[in-house]
C-alpha atoms as a PDB file:
ATOM      1  CA  MET A   1       7.286 -17.521  -2.217  1.00  0.00           C
ATOM      2  CA  LYS A   2       5.010 -15.585  -3.858  1.00  0.00           C
ATOM      3  CA  ILE A   3       3.629 -12.371  -2.116  1.00  0.00           C
ATOM      4  CA  GLN A   4       0.273 -13.184  -1.971  1.00  0.00           C
ATOM      5  CA  GLY A   5      -3.232 -11.792   0.218  1.00  0.00           C
ATOM      6  CA  THR A   6      -3.997  -8.514   1.590  1.00  0.00           C
ATOM      7  CA  PHE A   7      -1.106  -5.761   2.757  1.00  0.00           C
ATOM      8  CA  VAL A   8      -1.840  -2.625   3.906  1.00  0.00           C
ATOM      9  CA  ALA A   9       0.140   0.566   3.654  1.00  0.00           C
ATOM     10  CA  PRO A  10      -0.265   2.246   7.073  1.00  0.00           C
ATOM     11  CA  VAL A  11      -0.401   6.411   7.575  1.00  0.00           C
ATOM     12  CA  THR A  12       2.257   7.627  10.013  1.00  0.00           C
ATOM     13  CA  PRO A  13       0.460   9.111  12.666  1.00  0.00           C
ATOM     14  CA  ARG A  14       2.084  12.591  13.953  1.00  0.00           C
ATOM     15  CA  ASN A  15       2.269  14.543  16.850  1.00  0.00           C
ATOM     16  CA  PRO A  16       1.245  18.182  17.013  1.00  0.00           C
ATOM     17  CA  ASP A  17       5.462  18.758  16.421  1.00  0.00           C
ATOM     18  CA  GLY A  18       5.616  16.662  13.092  1.00  0.00           C
ATOM     19  CA  ARG A  19       7.558  14.265  15.159  1.00  0.00           C
ATOM     20  CA  ILE A  20       6.076  10.623  14.741  1.00  0.00           C
ATOM     21  CA  ASN A  21       3.607   8.979  17.143  1.00  0.00           C
ATOM     22  CA  PHE A  22       4.625   6.018  17.794  1.00  0.00           C
ATOM     23  CA  GLY A  23       1.817   4.629  20.284  1.00  0.00           C
ATOM     24  CA  GLU A  24      -0.800   5.160  17.960  1.00  0.00           C
ATOM     25  CA  PHE A  25       1.575   3.849  15.485  1.00  0.00           C
ATOM     26  CA  ARG A  26       1.397   1.032  16.765  1.00  0.00           C
ATOM     27  CA  ALA A  27      -2.562   0.940  18.195  1.00  0.00           C
ATOM     28  CA  LEU A  28      -3.024   1.071  14.350  1.00  0.00           C
ATOM     29  CA  LEU A  29      -0.680  -1.897  13.880  1.00  0.00           C
ATOM     30  CA  ASP A  30      -3.157  -3.934  16.068  1.00  0.00           C
ATOM     31  CA  VAL A  31      -5.997  -2.846  14.662  1.00  0.00           C
ATOM     32  CA  LEU A  32      -4.667  -4.258  11.256  1.00  0.00           C
ATOM     33  CA  VAL A  33      -3.838  -7.700  13.309  1.00  0.00           C
ATOM     34  CA  SER A  34      -7.258  -7.822  14.375  1.00  0.00           C
ATOM     35  CA  ALA A  35      -8.808  -7.762  11.114  1.00  0.00           C
ATOM     36  CA  GLY A  36      -6.976 -10.220  10.053  1.00  0.00           C
ATOM     37  CA  VAL A  37      -4.718  -8.780   7.226  1.00  0.00           C
ATOM     38  CA  ASP A  38      -1.239 -10.628   5.947  1.00  0.00           C
ATOM     39  CA  GLY A  39       1.224  -7.887   6.265  1.00  0.00           C
ATOM     40  CA  VAL A  40       2.282  -4.108   6.380  1.00  0.00           C
ATOM     41  CA  CYS A  41       3.508  -1.754   3.706  1.00  0.00           C
ATOM     42  CA  VAL A  42       5.459   0.390   5.756  1.00  0.00           C
ATOM     43  CA  ALA A  43       6.300   4.203   4.742  1.00  0.00           C
ATOM     44  CA  GLY A  44       5.048   3.932   1.045  1.00  0.00           C
ATOM     45  CA  GLY A  45       2.918   6.784   0.013  1.00  0.00           C
ATOM     46  CA  THR A  46      -0.323   6.889   2.127  1.00  0.00           C
ATOM     47  CA  GLY A  47       2.299   6.921   4.971  1.00  0.00           C
ATOM     48  CA  GLU A  48       4.255  10.158   3.318  1.00  0.00           C
ATOM     49  CA  TYR A  49       7.319   9.020   3.218  1.00  0.00           C
ATOM     50  CA  PRO A  50       8.831  12.263   1.971  1.00  0.00           C
ATOM     51  CA  HIS A  51       7.939  13.966   5.155  1.00  0.00           C
ATOM     52  CA  PHE A  52      10.092  12.240   7.312  1.00  0.00           C
ATOM     53  CA  ASP A  53      13.901  11.988   7.369  1.00  0.00           C
ATOM     54  CA  LEU A  54      15.855   8.805   7.397  1.00  0.00           C
ATOM     55  CA  GLU A  55      16.490   7.857  10.739  1.00  0.00           C
ATOM     56  CA  GLU A  56      12.493   8.546  11.136  1.00  0.00           C
ATOM     57  CA  ARG A  57      11.842   6.150   8.898  1.00  0.00           C
ATOM     58  CA  LYS A  58      14.098   3.334  10.170  1.00  0.00           C
ATOM     59  CA  ILE A  59      12.410   3.675  13.947  1.00  0.00           C
ATOM     60  CA  LEU A  60       9.581   3.194  12.085  1.00  0.00           C
ATOM     61  CA  LEU A  61      10.355  -0.006  10.220  1.00  0.00           C
ATOM     62  CA  GLU A  62      11.774  -1.401  13.817  1.00  0.00           C
ATOM     63  CA  GLU A  63       8.638  -0.343  15.549  1.00  0.00           C
ATOM     64  CA  ALA A  64       6.184  -2.245  12.967  1.00  0.00           C
ATOM     65  CA  VAL A  65       8.791  -5.503  13.072  1.00  0.00           C
ATOM     66  CA  HIS A  66       9.106  -5.341  16.646  1.00  0.00           C
ATOM     67  CA  HIS A  67       5.361  -4.739  17.318  1.00  0.00           C
ATOM     68  CA  VAL A  68       3.750  -7.458  14.971  1.00  0.00           C
ATOM     69  CA  ALA A  69       6.472  -9.804  16.202  1.00  0.00           C
ATOM     70  CA  GLY A  70       6.152 -12.125  13.395  1.00  0.00           C
ATOM     71  CA  ARG A  71       2.091 -12.196  13.446  1.00  0.00           C
ATOM     72  CA  ILE A  72       1.811 -10.705   9.843  1.00  0.00           C
ATOM     73  CA  GLN A  73       4.183  -9.716   6.989  1.00  0.00           C
ATOM     74  CA  VAL A  74       6.095  -6.636   7.036  1.00  0.00           C
ATOM     75  CA  LEU A  75       7.354  -4.980   3.491  1.00  0.00           C
ATOM     76  CA  ALA A  76       9.154  -1.878   3.517  1.00  0.00           C
ATOM     77  CA  CYS A  77       9.022   1.383   1.051  1.00  0.00           C
ATOM     78  CA  ILE A  78      12.558   2.596   0.890  1.00  0.00           C
ATOM     79  CA  GLY A  79      11.644   5.724  -1.725  1.00  0.00           C
ATOM     80  CA  HIS A  80      14.017   8.588  -1.969  1.00  0.00           C
ATOM     81  CA  SER A  81      15.285  10.954  -4.311  1.00  0.00           C
ATOM     82  CA  HIS A  82      18.531  10.132  -3.948  1.00  0.00           C
ATOM     83  CA  PHE A  83      20.042   6.923  -5.137  1.00  0.00           C
ATOM     84  CA  ASP A  84      22.344   6.296  -1.733  1.00  0.00           C
ATOM     85  CA  ARG A  85      19.591   6.899   0.555  1.00  0.00           C
ATOM     86  CA  VAL A  86      17.552   4.140  -1.161  1.00  0.00           C
ATOM     87  CA  VAL A  87      20.586   2.116  -0.945  1.00  0.00           C
ATOM     88  CA  GLU A  88      20.859   3.027   2.776  1.00  0.00           C
ATOM     89  CA  LEU A  89      17.260   2.290   3.956  1.00  0.00           C
ATOM     90  CA  GLY A  90      17.444  -0.623   1.942  1.00  0.00           C
ATOM     91  CA  ARG A  91      20.050  -2.280   3.436  1.00  0.00           C
ATOM     92  CA  HIS A  92      18.678  -1.592   7.096  1.00  0.00           C
ATOM     93  CA  ALA A  93      15.435  -2.851   5.985  1.00  0.00           C
ATOM     94  CA  GLU A  94      17.468  -6.145   5.012  1.00  0.00           C
ATOM     95  CA  GLY A  95      18.728  -6.092   8.613  1.00  0.00           C
ATOM     96  CA  GLN A  96      15.593  -5.783   9.665  1.00  0.00           C
ATOM     97  CA  GLY A  97      14.184  -9.274   8.478  1.00  0.00           C
ATOM     98  CA  VAL A  98      11.521  -7.860   5.901  1.00  0.00           C
ATOM     99  CA  ARG A  99       9.709 -10.100   3.406  1.00  0.00           C
ATOM    100  CA  ALA A 100      11.212  -7.513   0.560  1.00  0.00           C
ATOM    101  CA  VAL A 101      11.291  -3.772   0.215  1.00  0.00           C
ATOM    102  CA  LEU A 102       9.138  -2.074  -2.463  1.00  0.00           C
ATOM    103  CA  VAL A 103      11.113   0.259  -4.521  1.00  0.00           C
ATOM    104  CA  PRO A 104       9.419   3.452  -6.134  1.00  0.00           C
ATOM    105  CA  PRO A 105      11.203   5.326  -9.358  1.00  0.00           C
ATOM    106  CA  PRO A 106      12.757   8.567  -7.408  1.00  0.00           C
ATOM    107  CA  HIS A 107      11.088  11.217  -6.441  1.00  0.00           C
ATOM    108  CA  PHE A 108      10.566  15.087  -7.541  1.00  0.00           C
ATOM    109  CA  TYR A 109      12.800  14.742 -10.861  1.00  0.00           C
ATOM    110  CA  THR A 110      11.182  13.550 -14.362  1.00  0.00           C
ATOM    111  CA  TYR A 111      13.919  10.600 -15.502  1.00  0.00           C
ATOM    112  CA  SER A 112      13.549   8.701 -18.716  1.00  0.00           C
ATOM    113  CA  GLN A 113      12.723   5.115 -18.817  1.00  0.00           C
ATOM    114  CA  LYS A 114      16.216   4.455 -19.379  1.00  0.00           C
ATOM    115  CA  ASP A 115      17.397   6.083 -16.172  1.00  0.00           C
ATOM    116  CA  LEU A 116      15.208   4.645 -14.632  1.00  0.00           C
ATOM    117  CA  ALA A 117      16.026   1.163 -15.919  1.00  0.00           C
ATOM    118  CA  ALA A 118      19.428   1.912 -14.839  1.00  0.00           C
ATOM    119  CA  PHE A 119      18.391   2.717 -11.332  1.00  0.00           C
ATOM    120  CA  TYR A 120      16.637  -0.242 -10.484  1.00  0.00           C
ATOM    121  CA  HIS A 121      19.755  -2.497 -12.357  1.00  0.00           C
ATOM    122  CA  GLU A 122      22.402  -0.949 -10.043  1.00  0.00           C
ATOM    123  CA  LEU A 123      20.192  -1.110  -7.303  1.00  0.00           C
ATOM    124  CA  GLY A 124      20.236  -4.942  -7.925  1.00  0.00           C
ATOM    125  CA  ARG A 125      24.243  -5.056  -7.449  1.00  0.00           C
ATOM    126  CA  ARG A 126      23.376  -3.152  -4.417  1.00  0.00           C
ATOM    127  CA  LEU A 127      21.478  -5.157  -2.143  1.00  0.00           C
ATOM    128  CA  SER A 128      20.743  -8.713  -1.454  1.00  0.00           C
ATOM    129  CA  VAL A 129      16.911  -7.884  -0.211  1.00  0.00           C
ATOM    130  CA  PRO A 130      14.399  -9.378  -2.499  1.00  0.00           C
ATOM    131  CA  CYS A 131      12.737  -6.068  -4.640  1.00  0.00           C
ATOM    132  CA  LEU A 132       9.580  -5.078  -6.057  1.00  0.00           C
ATOM    133  CA  LEU A 133       8.632  -2.735  -8.390  1.00  0.00           C
ATOM    134  CA  TYR A 134       6.612   0.173  -7.329  1.00  0.00           C
ATOM    135  CA  ASN A 135       5.082   2.019 -10.214  1.00  0.00           C
ATOM    136  CA  LEU A 136       3.931   5.288  -8.511  1.00  0.00           C
ATOM    137  CA  PRO A 137       2.610   7.654 -11.592  1.00  0.00           C
ATOM    138  CA  SER A 138       0.516   9.890  -9.147  1.00  0.00           C
ATOM    139  CA  PHE A 139       3.986  11.163  -7.520  1.00  0.00           C
ATOM    140  CA  THR A 140       6.788   9.680  -9.569  1.00  0.00           C
ATOM    141  CA  THR A 141       7.906   8.940 -12.720  1.00  0.00           C
ATOM    142  CA  PRO A 142       5.714   6.231 -14.503  1.00  0.00           C
ATOM    143  CA  LEU A 143       6.921   3.127 -15.428  1.00  0.00           C
ATOM    144  CA  GLU A 144       5.750   2.086 -18.886  1.00  0.00           C
ATOM    145  CA  GLU A 145       4.910  -1.653 -19.347  1.00  0.00           C
ATOM    146  CA  GLU A 146       7.771  -1.741 -21.294  1.00  0.00           C
ATOM    147  CA  THR A 147      10.381  -0.890 -19.241  1.00  0.00           C
ATOM    148  CA  ILE A 148       8.127  -2.865 -16.549  1.00  0.00           C
ATOM    149  CA  VAL A 149       8.124  -6.177 -18.455  1.00  0.00           C
ATOM    150  CA  HIS A 150      12.111  -5.286 -19.271  1.00  0.00           C
ATOM    151  CA  LEU A 151      13.146  -5.315 -15.909  1.00  0.00           C
ATOM    152  CA  LEU A 152      10.953  -8.245 -14.094  1.00  0.00           C
ATOM    153  CA  LYS A 153      12.342 -10.481 -16.881  1.00  0.00           C
ATOM    154  CA  SER A 154      15.985  -9.437 -16.618  1.00  0.00           C
ATOM    155  CA  GLU A 155      16.818  -8.477 -12.703  1.00  0.00           C
ATOM    156  CA  PRO A 156      17.099 -11.026 -10.684  1.00  0.00           C
ATOM    157  CA  SER A 157      17.003  -9.069  -7.471  1.00  0.00           C
ATOM    158  CA  LEU A 158      12.705  -7.944  -8.909  1.00  0.00           C
ATOM    159  CA  VAL A 159      10.661 -10.774  -7.516  1.00  0.00           C
ATOM    160  CA  GLY A 160       7.108  -8.408  -8.716  1.00  0.00           C
ATOM    161  CA  ILE A 161       5.482  -5.582  -8.724  1.00  0.00           C
ATOM    162  CA  LYS A 162       3.540  -3.009  -7.232  1.00  0.00           C
ATOM    163  CA  ASP A 163       1.268  -1.488  -9.964  1.00  0.00           C
ATOM    164  CA  SER A 164      -0.681   1.840  -8.521  1.00  0.00           C
ATOM    165  CA  SER A 165      -1.376   3.320 -11.925  1.00  0.00           C
ATOM    166  CA  GLY A 166      -4.926   2.496 -12.325  1.00  0.00           C
ATOM    167  CA  ASN A 167      -4.547   1.012 -15.995  1.00  0.00           C
ATOM    168  CA  ALA A 168      -6.978  -2.069 -15.854  1.00  0.00           C
ATOM    169  CA  GLY A 169      -5.028  -3.067 -19.200  1.00  0.00           C
ATOM    170  CA  SER A 170      -2.227  -4.101 -18.110  1.00  0.00           C
ATOM    171  CA  LEU A 171      -3.353  -6.825 -15.608  1.00  0.00           C
ATOM    172  CA  GLN A 172      -3.439  -9.411 -18.538  1.00  0.00           C
ATOM    173  CA  ARG A 173      -0.429  -8.369 -20.242  1.00  0.00           C
ATOM    174  CA  PHE A 174       1.729  -8.871 -16.915  1.00  0.00           C
ATOM    175  CA  ARG A 175       0.131 -11.861 -16.063  1.00  0.00           C
ATOM    176  CA  ARG A 176       0.728 -13.743 -19.521  1.00  0.00           C
ATOM    177  CA  GLU A 177       4.124 -12.091 -19.808  1.00  0.00           C
ATOM    178  CA  LEU A 178       5.633 -12.741 -16.547  1.00  0.00           C
ATOM    179  CA  ASP A 179       3.885 -15.971 -15.175  1.00  0.00           C
ATOM    180  CA  ALA A 180       6.866 -17.970 -16.462  1.00  0.00           C
ATOM    181  CA  ARG A 181       9.275 -16.105 -13.711  1.00  0.00           C
ATOM    182  CA  LYS A 182       6.493 -16.757 -10.982  1.00  0.00           C
ATOM    183  CA  ILE A 183       6.272 -13.097 -10.095  1.00  0.00           C
ATOM    184  CA  SER A 184       4.198 -11.265  -7.651  1.00  0.00           C
ATOM    185  CA  LEU A 185       1.928  -9.895  -8.757  1.00  0.00           C
ATOM    186  CA  ILE A 186       0.455  -7.190  -6.130  1.00  0.00           C
ATOM    187  CA  VAL A 187      -2.216  -4.217  -7.228  1.00  0.00           C
ATOM    188  CA  GLY A 188      -2.068  -0.920  -5.724  1.00  0.00           C
ATOM    189  CA  GLN A 189      -5.474   0.843  -6.732  1.00  0.00           C
ATOM    190  CA  ASP A 190      -7.949  -0.247  -4.441  1.00  0.00           C
ATOM    191  CA  ILE A 191     -11.280  -0.069  -7.189  1.00  0.00           C
ATOM    192  CA  LEU A 192      -8.623  -2.903  -9.721  1.00  0.00           C
ATOM    193  CA  ILE A 193      -8.872  -5.241  -6.515  1.00  0.00           C
ATOM    194  CA  LEU A 194     -11.541  -7.612  -8.099  1.00  0.00           C
ATOM    195  CA  ASP A 195     -10.564  -7.174 -11.544  1.00  0.00           C
ATOM    196  CA  ALA A 196      -6.846  -8.030 -10.361  1.00  0.00           C
ATOM    197  CA  LEU A 197      -7.820 -10.591  -9.003  1.00  0.00           C
ATOM    198  CA  GLU A 198      -9.726 -11.828 -11.279  1.00  0.00           C
ATOM    199  CA  ALA A 199      -6.949 -11.717 -13.704  1.00  0.00           C
ATOM    200  CA  GLY A 200      -4.730 -14.240 -11.716  1.00  0.00           C
ATOM    201  CA  TRP A 201      -2.794 -11.092  -9.718  1.00  0.00           C
ATOM    202  CA  ASP A 202      -1.405 -12.217  -6.206  1.00  0.00           C
ATOM    203  CA  ALA A 203      -1.981  -9.437  -3.453  1.00  0.00           C
ATOM    204  CA  VAL A 204      -3.038  -6.128  -2.627  1.00  0.00           C
ATOM    205  CA  ILE A 205      -1.302  -3.408  -0.924  1.00  0.00           C
ATOM    206  CA  SER A 206      -3.777  -0.756   0.128  1.00  0.00           C
ATOM    207  CA  GLY A 207      -4.308   2.222   1.701  1.00  0.00           C
ATOM    208  CA  LEU A 208      -8.381   1.897   1.815  1.00  0.00           C
ATOM    209  CA  ALA A 209      -7.186  -0.753   3.900  1.00  0.00           C
ATOM    210  CA  ASN A 210      -6.369   1.703   7.109  1.00  0.00           C
ATOM    211  CA  ILE A 211      -9.797   2.205   7.156  1.00  0.00           C
ATOM    212  CA  CYS A 212     -11.842  -0.664   6.328  1.00  0.00           C
ATOM    213  CA  PRO A 213      -9.707  -3.691   6.300  1.00  0.00           C
ATOM    214  CA  GLU A 214     -12.778  -6.000   7.089  1.00  0.00           C
ATOM    215  CA  VAL A 215     -14.010  -5.440   3.449  1.00  0.00           C
ATOM    216  CA  ILE A 216     -11.008  -5.769   1.522  1.00  0.00           C
ATOM    217  CA  VAL A 217      -9.470  -9.269   3.791  1.00  0.00           C
ATOM    218  CA  GLY A 218     -13.297 -10.140   3.336  1.00  0.00           C
ATOM    219  CA  LEU A 219     -12.861  -9.579  -0.907  1.00  0.00           C
ATOM    220  CA  LEU A 220      -9.752 -11.164  -1.109  1.00  0.00           C
ATOM    221  CA  ARG A 221     -11.105 -14.099   1.022  1.00  0.00           C
ATOM    222  CA  SER A 222     -14.831 -14.294  -0.778  1.00  0.00           C
ATOM    223  CA  PHE A 223     -12.738 -14.880  -4.156  1.00  0.00           C
ATOM    224  CA  ALA A 224     -10.391 -17.592  -2.789  1.00  0.00           C
ATOM    225  CA  ASP A 225     -13.631 -19.008  -1.516  1.00  0.00           C
ATOM    226  CA  GLY A 226     -15.510 -18.783  -4.886  1.00  0.00           C
ATOM    227  CA  ASP A 227     -18.027 -16.573  -3.914  1.00  0.00           C
ATOM    228  CA  LEU A 228     -18.030 -14.039  -6.335  1.00  0.00           C
ATOM    229  CA  VAL A 229     -21.400 -12.144  -5.298  1.00  0.00           C
ATOM    230  CA  ARG A 230     -19.957 -11.682  -2.030  1.00  0.00           C
ATOM    231  CA  ALA A 231     -16.688 -10.454  -3.613  1.00  0.00           C
ATOM    232  CA  ARG A 232     -18.791  -8.069  -6.004  1.00  0.00           C
ATOM    233  CA  TYR A 233     -20.401  -6.489  -3.192  1.00  0.00           C
ATOM    234  CA  CYS A 234     -16.705  -5.974  -1.473  1.00  0.00           C
ATOM    235  CA  GLN A 235     -15.854  -4.375  -4.373  1.00  0.00           C
ATOM    236  CA  ASP A 236     -18.463  -2.020  -4.978  1.00  0.00           C
ATOM    237  CA  GLN A 237     -18.215  -0.889  -1.707  1.00  0.00           C
ATOM    238  CA  VAL A 238     -14.367  -0.138  -1.532  1.00  0.00           C
ATOM    239  CA  SER A 239     -15.081   1.610  -4.964  1.00  0.00           C
ATOM    240  CA  LYS A 240     -17.818   3.786  -3.659  1.00  0.00           C
ATOM    241  CA  LEU A 241     -15.560   4.598  -0.622  1.00  0.00           C
ATOM    242  CA  SER A 242     -12.440   4.897  -3.364  1.00  0.00           C
ATOM    243  CA  HIS A 243     -13.780   7.675  -5.184  1.00  0.00           C
ATOM    244  CA  TYR A 244     -15.090   9.478  -1.598  1.00  0.00           C
ATOM    245  CA  VAL A 245     -11.278  10.120  -1.120  1.00  0.00           C
ATOM    246  CA  ASP A 246      -9.917  10.510  -4.370  1.00  0.00           C
ATOM    247  CA  GLU A 247     -11.787  13.939  -3.402  1.00  0.00           C
ATOM    248  CA  PHE A 248      -9.012  14.726  -1.210  1.00  0.00           C
ATOM    249  CA  PRO A 249      -4.957  15.228  -1.236  1.00  0.00           C
ATOM    250  CA  VAL A 250      -3.160  11.884  -0.267  1.00  0.00           C
ATOM    251  CA  PRO A 251      -4.152  10.349   2.443  1.00  0.00           C
ATOM    252  CA  TRP A 252      -5.862  13.358   3.810  1.00  0.00           C
ATOM    253  CA  ALA A 253      -9.192  11.476   3.792  1.00  0.00           C
ATOM    254  CA  VAL A 254      -7.794   7.893   4.789  1.00  0.00           C
ATOM    255  CA  ARG A 255      -6.469  10.184   8.279  1.00  0.00           C
ATOM    256  CA  ALA A 256      -9.424  11.202   8.582  1.00  0.00           C
ATOM    257  CA  GLY A 257     -11.080   7.829   8.447  1.00  0.00           C
ATOM    258  CA  VAL A 258      -8.690   6.287  10.677  1.00  0.00           C
ATOM    259  CA  GLU A 259      -9.658   8.726  13.311  1.00  0.00           C
ATOM    260  CA  THR A 260     -13.225   7.592  13.171  1.00  0.00           C
ATOM    261  CA  ARG A 261     -11.742   4.350  14.358  1.00  0.00           C
ATOM    262  CA  GLY A 262     -10.000   5.449  17.559  1.00  0.00           C
ATOM    263  CA  ILE A 263      -6.859   6.079  16.148  1.00  0.00           C
ATOM    264  CA  HIS A 264      -5.621   9.477  16.682  1.00  0.00           C
ATOM    265  CA  PRO A 265      -3.203  10.024  12.931  1.00  0.00           C
ATOM    266  CA  GLY A 266      -2.603  14.042  13.996  1.00  0.00           C
ATOM    267  CA  SER A 267      -2.863  17.190  11.514  1.00  0.00           C
ATOM    268  CA  PRO A 268      -2.257  16.875   7.763  1.00  0.00           C
ATOM    269  CA  ALA A 269       0.867  17.756   6.122  1.00  0.00           C
ATOM    270  CA  LEU A 270      -0.560  21.063   5.557  1.00  0.00           C
ATOM    271  CA  PRO A 271      -2.820  23.349   6.541  1.00  0.00           C
ATOM    272  CA  PRO A 272      -5.956  22.368   5.122  1.00  0.00           C
ATOM    273  CA  ALA A 273      -8.155  25.154   3.409  1.00  0.00           C
ATOM    274  CA  ARG A 274     -11.787  25.800   5.350  1.00  0.00           C
ATOM    275  CA  ASP A 275     -13.723  24.227   2.635  1.00  0.00           C
ATOM    276  CA  GLN A 276     -11.598  20.921   3.099  1.00  0.00           C
ATOM    277  CA  GLU A 277     -12.161  21.106   6.679  1.00  0.00           C
ATOM    278  CA  THR A 278     -15.455  21.215   6.397  1.00  0.00           C
ATOM    279  CA  GLY A 279     -15.124  18.451   3.461  1.00  0.00           C
ATOM    280  CA  LEU A 280     -13.130  15.914   5.856  1.00  0.00           C
ATOM    281  CA  GLN A 281     -16.173  16.063   8.470  1.00  0.00           C
ATOM    282  CA  SER A 282     -18.770  15.115   6.069  1.00  0.00           C
ATOM    283  CA  PHE A 283     -16.521  12.611   5.017  1.00  0.00           C
ATOM    284  CA  LYS A 284     -16.395  11.418   8.488  1.00  0.00           C
ATOM    285  CA  THR A 285     -19.904  11.920   8.909  1.00  0.00           C
ATOM    286  CA  TRP A 286     -20.563   9.799   5.704  1.00  0.00           C
ATOM    287  CA  PHE A 287     -17.864   7.364   6.475  1.00  0.00           C
ATOM    288  CA  THR A 288     -18.965   6.138   9.757  1.00  0.00           C
ATOM    289  CA  SER A 289     -22.617   5.601   8.690  1.00  0.00           C
ATOM    290  CA  TRP A 290     -21.162   3.444   5.314  1.00  0.00           C
ATOM    291  CA  LEU A 291     -18.811   1.341   7.761  1.00  0.00           C
ATOM    292  CA  GLU A 292     -21.402   0.550   9.833  1.00  0.00           C
ATOM    293  CA  GLU A 293     -23.801  -0.490   7.015  1.00  0.00           C
ATOM    294  CA  THR A 294     -20.992  -2.537   5.179  1.00  0.00           C
ATOM    295  CA  LEU A 295     -19.344  -4.038   7.957  1.00  0.00           C
ATOM    296  CA  ALA A 296     -22.862  -5.767   8.630  1.00  0.00           C
ATOM    297  CA  VAL A 297     -23.306  -6.986   5.164  1.00  0.00           C
ATOM    298  CA  VAL A 298     -19.749  -8.376   5.197  1.00  0.00           C
ATOM    299  CA  ALA A 299     -19.593 -10.029   8.368  1.00  0.00           C
ATOM    300  CA  SER A 300     -23.202 -11.950   7.803  1.00  0.00           C
ATOM    301  CA  SER A 301     -22.264 -12.884   4.805  1.00  0.00           C
ATOM    302  CA  LEU A 302     -19.188 -14.296   5.995  1.00  0.00           C
ATOM    303  CA  SER A 303     -20.840 -16.095   9.272  1.00  0.00           C
ATOM    304  CA  ASP A 304     -23.341 -17.364   6.258  1.00  0.00           C
ATOM    305  CA  GLY A 305     -20.414 -18.727   4.224  1.00  0.00           C
END
């Protein structure tokens, strides 16, 4: 069955020593469940997976699966720079009973499209868990459209794609060319959620939903109910927030927003420059006001609907 609905890529809270703060992670999961999300994708880009070792990532996934206890679905990102580590993470995720694993291209080094195709084909031979392509061009070698279509048509282990390229032009093409295989099409750019839904896409995996899950849940539900006015309002607000968040390194502003909602994510992975610290404080002030106003409108619209 297709993966559908609102999924969140949760941030990974840290203690002052850099270790994962599992108590705050569980608290964040509770906030997301209460907001009505359909699932989470653990240790993705917003979760800063390159910063953590394999054992930390395995325990993080185990904590997520155990804590949500079937209340929502769990996906696992198994990105790594080394093929064998991807396989190890994938087999561990399979043992945890996740719905699917999200597989970005190996990070740091640049690879050809043929290299990436070989990577995914070989991974399909090693894993039995359903896999999702993760096109993450900001941090890995971009997957070209032809490569994506070829892989999703030819590799049985691949059941869908999360596309974070931000390329609105590919939305219609992927739906048209991949519909016969019933591929799950998942948008990863928050500014394109409504465009993707209108093109027939199935789901979103959102980083911004860490800090405004109610708005993004409201967007998808409004669209499903045929209320395009309400859906457009939610998208406009999400886009406004996204543009502000993009002024900072990923995922600094998202972590700052999480803090305003009562979760303590810890410091960014790098010490922010002084102007960045000032900017993040300004963002938190703006975000608090934005959230209060936006949630009031969304709650009113949802109750009226």
